[in-house]
Protein backbone atom coordinates (compact mmCIF):
# COMPACT_ATOMS: atom_id res chain seq x y z
CA MET A 1 -49.97 75.01 136.04
CA ARG A 2 -49.94 79.29 136.34
CA GLU A 3 -49.46 80.99 139.26
CA THR A 4 -51.29 84.14 140.05
CA GLU A 5 -51.07 86.71 142.86
CA HIS A 6 -53.84 87.20 145.00
CA ASP A 7 -54.06 90.37 147.36
CA PRO A 8 -57.07 90.06 149.76
CA ARG A 9 -57.32 93.49 150.53
CA GLU A 10 -57.42 94.86 146.82
CA LEU A 11 -60.50 92.47 146.83
CA GLU A 12 -61.67 93.70 150.08
CA SER A 13 -61.42 97.46 148.63
CA VAL A 14 -63.12 96.80 145.28
CA GLU A 15 -65.90 95.00 147.30
CA GLU A 16 -66.40 97.84 149.66
CA ARG A 17 -66.45 100.59 146.76
CA LEU A 18 -68.88 98.41 145.00
CA PHE A 19 -71.17 98.39 148.25
CA ALA A 20 -70.69 102.03 148.41
CA LEU A 21 -71.71 102.56 144.64
CA ARG A 22 -75.04 100.63 145.27
CA ALA A 23 -75.86 102.51 148.38
CA ALA A 24 -75.39 105.87 146.67
CA SER A 25 -77.69 104.44 143.83
CA ARG A 26 -80.28 103.75 146.45
CA LYS A 27 -79.87 107.13 148.24
CA TYR A 28 -80.38 109.17 145.00
CA SER A 29 -82.83 107.10 143.19
CA VAL A 30 -80.59 106.68 140.09
CA PRO A 31 -78.77 103.81 138.35
CA VAL A 32 -75.17 103.14 139.37
CA ASP A 33 -74.15 104.24 135.54
CA ASP A 34 -75.53 107.58 136.25
CA LEU A 35 -73.90 108.61 139.20
CA ASN A 36 -71.10 110.52 137.43
CA SER A 37 -73.51 112.46 135.79
CA LEU A 38 -75.17 113.29 138.86
CA CYS A 39 -71.98 114.32 140.63
CA ASP A 40 -71.43 116.65 137.77
CA ARG A 41 -74.74 118.24 137.88
CA MET A 42 -74.46 118.66 141.83
CA THR A 43 -71.07 120.00 141.56
CA ALA A 44 -72.05 122.37 138.71
CA ASP A 45 -75.47 123.52 141.15
CA LEU A 46 -73.00 124.26 144.07
CA ALA A 47 -70.59 126.39 142.13
CA ASP A 48 -73.92 128.25 141.28
CA LEU A 49 -74.59 128.77 144.66
CA ASP A 50 -71.14 129.75 145.66
CA ALA A 51 -71.16 132.17 142.73
CA GLY A 52 -74.83 133.36 143.42
CA GLU A 53 -74.41 136.83 145.08
CA ASP A 54 -72.15 137.93 141.85
CA LYS A 55 -74.89 136.54 139.39
CA LEU A 56 -77.64 138.70 141.62
CA THR A 57 -75.56 141.72 141.17
CA ALA A 58 -75.22 141.50 137.74
CA LEU A 59 -78.84 140.98 137.32
CA VAL A 60 -79.73 144.18 139.60
CA GLU A 61 -77.75 146.07 137.38
CA ALA A 62 -79.20 144.80 134.17
CA ALA A 63 -82.62 145.04 135.67
CA ALA A 64 -81.71 148.71 136.43
CA LYS A 65 -80.27 149.36 132.94
CA ALA A 66 -83.49 148.14 131.18
CA ARG A 67 -85.81 150.02 133.20
CA THR A 68 -83.80 153.34 132.56
CA ASP A 69 -83.97 152.60 128.85
CA TYR A 70 -87.40 151.78 128.81
CA ASP A 71 -88.24 155.08 130.55
CA ARG A 72 -86.33 157.06 128.27
CA ARG A 73 -87.92 155.34 125.10
CA ALA A 74 -91.68 155.48 126.84
CA ALA A 75 -90.97 159.29 127.59
CA ALA A 76 -89.90 159.78 123.98
CA LEU A 77 -92.97 157.84 122.57
CA SER A 78 -95.47 160.11 124.83
CA THR A 79 -94.03 162.90 123.16
CA LYS A 80 -94.83 161.66 119.66
CA ARG A 81 -98.27 160.40 120.68
CA THR A 82 -99.02 163.95 122.34
CA LYS A 83 -97.83 165.49 118.78
CA ALA A 84 -100.07 162.85 116.97
CA ALA A 85 -102.93 163.38 119.07
CA ARG A 86 -102.84 167.31 118.47
CA ALA A 87 -102.53 166.53 114.53
CA LEU A 88 -105.53 163.99 114.66
CA GLU A 89 -107.54 166.49 116.36
CA LYS A 90 -107.22 169.11 113.85
CA ALA A 91 -107.68 166.45 110.90
CA VAL A 92 -111.08 165.19 112.32
CA ALA A 93 -111.95 169.04 113.10
CA VAL A 94 -111.80 169.70 109.20
CA GLU A 95 -114.33 166.61 108.25
CA LEU A 96 -116.76 167.69 111.24
CA PRO A 97 -118.57 170.79 109.67
CA ASP A 98 -119.70 168.77 106.59
CA LEU A 99 -120.93 165.93 108.66
CA LYS A 100 -123.30 168.24 110.33
CA LEU A 101 -121.36 168.00 113.70
CA GLU A 102 -119.84 171.49 113.34
CA ARG A 103 -120.70 172.25 117.10
CA ALA A 104 -118.89 169.16 118.03
CA ARG A 105 -115.38 169.01 118.81
CA PHE A 106 -113.23 165.61 118.75
CA ILE A 107 -110.56 165.48 121.73
CA VAL A 108 -107.51 163.00 122.31
CA GLU A 109 -107.55 162.59 126.03
CA MET A 110 -103.99 161.01 126.98
CA SER A 111 -102.70 160.66 130.58
CA SER A 112 -99.10 159.13 131.41
CA ASP A 113 -97.99 157.47 134.26
CA PRO A 114 -94.31 156.76 134.54
CA GLN A 115 -94.80 153.84 137.03
CA GLY A 116 -97.40 152.18 134.98
CA ARG A 117 -95.07 150.62 132.74
CA GLY A 118 -96.36 148.16 130.00
CA ARG A 119 -95.75 146.69 126.66
CA THR A 120 -97.11 149.63 125.01
CA GLY A 121 -95.74 152.38 127.16
CA ILE A 122 -96.96 154.39 129.89
CA ASP A 123 -99.87 156.41 128.31
CA GLN A 124 -103.35 155.68 128.43
CA VAL A 125 -105.38 156.97 125.39
CA GLU A 126 -109.29 157.64 125.00
CA PHE A 127 -110.85 159.26 122.17
CA HIS A 128 -113.23 161.89 123.69
CA VAL A 129 -116.18 164.01 121.80
CA GLN A 130 -117.88 167.31 123.08
CA THR A 131 -121.30 167.47 120.94
CA ASN A 132 -122.73 170.48 122.05
CA PRO A 133 -120.76 174.03 123.24
CA GLY A 134 -121.13 174.09 127.14
CA THR A 135 -121.62 170.02 127.63
CA ARG A 136 -119.02 168.19 129.39
CA PRO A 137 -116.70 166.20 126.98
CA GLY A 138 -116.71 162.46 127.70
CA PRO A 139 -115.67 158.72 125.86
CA MET A 140 -117.14 158.98 122.38
CA MET A 141 -118.64 155.48 122.70
CA LYS A 142 -120.90 157.01 125.80
CA VAL A 143 -121.45 160.40 124.69
CA ALA A 144 -122.13 160.26 121.01
CA SER A 145 -125.57 159.21 119.53
CA GLY A 146 -125.70 156.07 117.28
CA GLY A 147 -125.83 158.66 114.31
CA GLU A 148 -123.09 160.97 115.69
CA LEU A 149 -120.82 157.98 116.41
CA SER A 150 -120.99 156.78 112.95
CA ARG A 151 -120.21 160.12 111.60
CA PHE A 152 -117.28 160.68 114.06
CA LEU A 153 -115.84 157.21 113.11
CA LEU A 154 -116.18 157.65 109.52
CA ALA A 155 -114.21 161.42 109.95
CA LEU A 156 -111.35 159.44 111.83
CA LYS A 157 -111.23 156.67 109.04
CA VAL A 158 -111.15 159.42 106.68
CA SER A 159 -108.30 161.55 108.36
CA LEU A 160 -106.33 158.08 109.02
CA ALA A 161 -106.93 156.47 105.79
CA ASP A 162 -103.01 157.23 104.81
CA LYS A 163 -101.59 155.80 107.94
CA GLY A 164 -103.04 152.32 107.39
CA SER A 165 -106.52 150.52 107.84
CA ALA A 166 -108.15 147.35 107.75
CA PRO A 167 -108.57 145.98 104.17
CA THR A 168 -112.22 145.96 104.40
CA LEU A 169 -114.58 148.76 106.17
CA VAL A 170 -118.36 148.29 106.72
CA PHE A 171 -120.41 151.24 107.30
CA ASP A 172 -124.18 149.90 108.52
CA GLU A 173 -126.56 153.05 107.95
CA ILE A 174 -124.07 155.69 108.37
CA ASP A 175 -126.44 158.22 107.16
CA THR A 176 -129.06 157.68 109.58
CA GLY A 177 -131.22 161.14 110.62
CA VAL A 178 -129.25 163.44 108.22
CA GLY A 179 -130.56 165.39 105.44
CA GLY A 180 -129.27 165.74 101.86
CA ALA A 181 -126.48 167.96 102.14
CA VAL A 182 -125.02 165.96 104.95
CA ALA A 183 -125.64 162.79 103.10
CA GLU A 184 -123.59 164.08 99.83
CA ALA A 185 -120.68 164.97 102.42
CA ILE A 186 -120.94 161.43 103.75
CA GLY A 187 -121.11 160.05 100.11
CA VAL A 188 -118.04 162.19 99.19
CA ARG A 189 -115.88 160.77 102.13
CA LEU A 190 -117.13 157.17 101.64
CA ALA A 191 -115.82 157.61 98.02
CA ARG A 192 -112.49 159.28 99.37
CA LEU A 193 -111.97 156.27 101.64
CA ALA A 194 -112.80 153.72 99.04
CA SER A 195 -109.80 154.91 96.93
CA LYS A 196 -107.39 153.53 99.74
CA VAL A 197 -109.75 150.37 101.38
CA GLN A 198 -112.69 148.56 100.41
CA VAL A 199 -115.62 149.93 101.49
CA LEU A 200 -119.01 148.29 102.13
CA THR A 201 -122.04 150.65 103.03
CA VAL A 202 -125.47 149.87 103.85
CA THR A 203 -127.52 152.96 103.15
CA HIS A 204 -130.89 154.46 102.40
CA ALA A 205 -129.64 157.59 100.99
CA PRO A 206 -129.40 158.00 97.17
CA GLN A 207 -126.66 160.69 97.55
CA VAL A 208 -124.50 157.80 99.20
CA ALA A 209 -125.81 155.33 96.95
CA ALA A 210 -124.49 157.17 93.56
CA ARG A 211 -121.10 157.46 94.84
CA ALA A 212 -120.55 153.79 95.17
CA GLU A 213 -118.94 151.80 91.94
CA GLY A 214 -120.86 148.90 92.64
CA HIS A 215 -124.36 148.23 93.68
CA PHE A 216 -126.23 145.39 95.51
CA LEU A 217 -129.99 145.28 96.18
CA ILE A 218 -131.05 143.74 99.30
CA ALA A 219 -134.82 142.84 99.86
CA LYS A 220 -136.88 140.42 101.83
CA GLU A 221 -139.31 138.35 100.48
CA ALA A 222 -141.53 135.78 101.48
CA THR A 223 -140.55 132.14 100.80
CA GLY A 224 -143.79 130.22 102.50
CA ALA A 225 -146.45 131.04 104.79
CA ASP A 226 -144.32 131.83 107.82
CA ARG A 227 -140.83 132.30 106.11
CA VAL A 228 -139.05 135.16 104.69
CA ALA A 229 -135.71 135.15 103.12
CA THR A 230 -133.21 137.96 102.44
CA ARG A 231 -132.26 138.52 98.44
CA VAL A 232 -128.96 140.07 97.61
CA GLN A 233 -128.82 141.18 94.01
CA ARG A 234 -126.05 142.52 91.96
CA ILE A 235 -127.35 145.88 90.12
CA ASP A 236 -125.79 146.49 86.73
CA LYS A 237 -124.99 150.07 85.97
CA ASP A 238 -127.96 150.69 83.68
CA TYR A 239 -130.42 149.67 86.34
CA ARG A 240 -128.61 151.67 89.38
CA SER A 241 -130.16 154.67 87.98
CA GLU A 242 -133.57 153.21 88.42
CA GLU A 243 -132.95 152.27 91.97
CA ILE A 244 -131.56 155.31 92.84
CA ALA A 245 -134.75 157.21 91.46
CA ARG A 246 -136.83 154.58 93.52
CA MET A 247 -134.92 155.85 96.77
CA LEU A 248 -135.47 159.28 95.84
CA ALA A 249 -139.23 158.92 94.91
CA GLY A 250 -140.62 156.00 96.78
CA SER A 251 -143.05 153.28 95.22
CA VAL A 252 -144.15 155.36 92.23
CA ILE A 253 -140.87 156.24 90.27
CA THR A 254 -141.44 159.89 88.51
CA GLU A 255 -139.43 161.26 85.64
CA GLU A 256 -138.52 164.01 88.07
CA ALA A 257 -136.99 161.38 90.30
CA ARG A 258 -135.21 159.79 87.06
CA ALA A 259 -133.59 162.83 85.96
CA ALA A 260 -132.65 163.66 89.94
CA ALA A 261 -130.88 160.04 89.66
CA ARG A 262 -128.94 160.90 86.55
CA ARG A 263 -127.48 163.97 87.95
CA LEU A 264 -126.53 162.48 91.24
CA LEU A 265 -124.70 159.64 88.93
CA THR A 266 -123.00 162.13 86.70
CA ALA A 267 -121.77 164.35 89.31
CA ALA A 268 -120.59 161.57 91.00
CA GLU A 269 -118.58 160.16 88.33
């Protein structure tokens, strides 16, 4: 028989420790095995609270530095925007006379608010126009008529063609309400724009159509008693002269119209 030493006080201490751990487990709603991890997290949180004032001071200093850096960069951006705005005004002004907008003005209206900090800076930029001398300039989308708006947008697109653009631009009857010379100017500018990006144009002007490299004829036709379908047909190079002559002459195509169509196509080429 082996003799063992028994210390009643040690057993009592272990049982008290076990009871304390179980009590802590119930109090903090965690398993006994997770009490050590909980203790570490609480210790770290307490250290953060003790160091909170120092951290807050550092954050305030960092925020002030970031604000100063933002203000400096925003002011530099405003200066560049002002310079670009004046250059854009001049570039658009060059395009307007040939588009029958020689009495109109294009204005880049820019206002800056140093306290209005945002993701894009402190500036608010709007495009304003003055369509006639003596009238008050206003936002382009409100002041310009439909035809004027199309031509202003064309002038803008041409002026910005070498600065990047959407890969495809669509112009819907941009030649509405203009005569032959203006339609010709529109056609020239659309062709120039098409050298940079893809341009799709819906037009009734032969001067504009003649400048295109490819043509589609769009027509509506009855498919039943009460139904109409829109037909889109690719026009080959030989037929497009006939179609442009029809645009010039109407329902009855004359030899004069065919000759005029050929002249338009030759000039475009």
